[in-house]
Amino acid sequence: MDAALDFVDEHGLAALSMHKLGSALGVKGMSLYNHVQGKDDVLDGLVEAMWAEAEGAAPAQDDWRQGARALAYAIRGVMHRHPNAAPLMTSRSVMPTAALRSVRAHIAAAVSSGIPEEQAYALLRTLTSYALGSALAEVNWGLAVAGCRPTVADLLRPGTPADLAAVAEVFCGQSDPDAQFELGLDLMLRGIGCTPPA
């Protein structure tokens, strides 16, 4: 899958075909069917490869929040490193084993710190959704590439009322996506301990 990920990084997702991937590997596209069932298999494999890249964010044994923070940054980092493949992380109907191993480890760390298992699963779902959604928005808006950040005016539709443009300036005007991501993550992780017991 490394070659497929390299291909998508260089040429984009729309350019990916079995024929072109085979050519990039120096083989006939049909020979790839000895290893995968088809393009859908390759796309699912790309998701697995990206999750495997993020899996290195092991939970900290003494502080589940530190591990959860590392996981969120690992997910975001993978999507920034592979912006052309990043949409697959949220659009493919596949649950990669690398993602499940990571979730299992982080659930265990949260539970061992006293968080009820049901809440730990909710925490991980929320955390991964936040990381995936934030990173995908950054990639889609060009924020993952330095120097490609759109202005708020670029994001507004013509004729947007001035009062709503002012809201957009504050809501979207965060000039530092890293600081925005960190603030949201910090608010989420601090809020976990404030949840009243069921």
Foldseek 3Di string as FASTA:
>chain_A
DVLQLVCCQPPFPVPDALQVSQVSVVHGSVVCCVPAVGDLRVLVVVLLVLLLQLLVLAADQVDLLSSLVSSLVSNLVSCLSRVRSLVSNPPRPDDHPSNVVSLVRSLVSVVVVPDDSVLSNVLSVVSNCLSSVLSNVCSVQVVSPPPSHDALVVVDDPPDDPVVSVVSCVVVVPPDSVVVSVVVSVVSSVCSVVDDDD
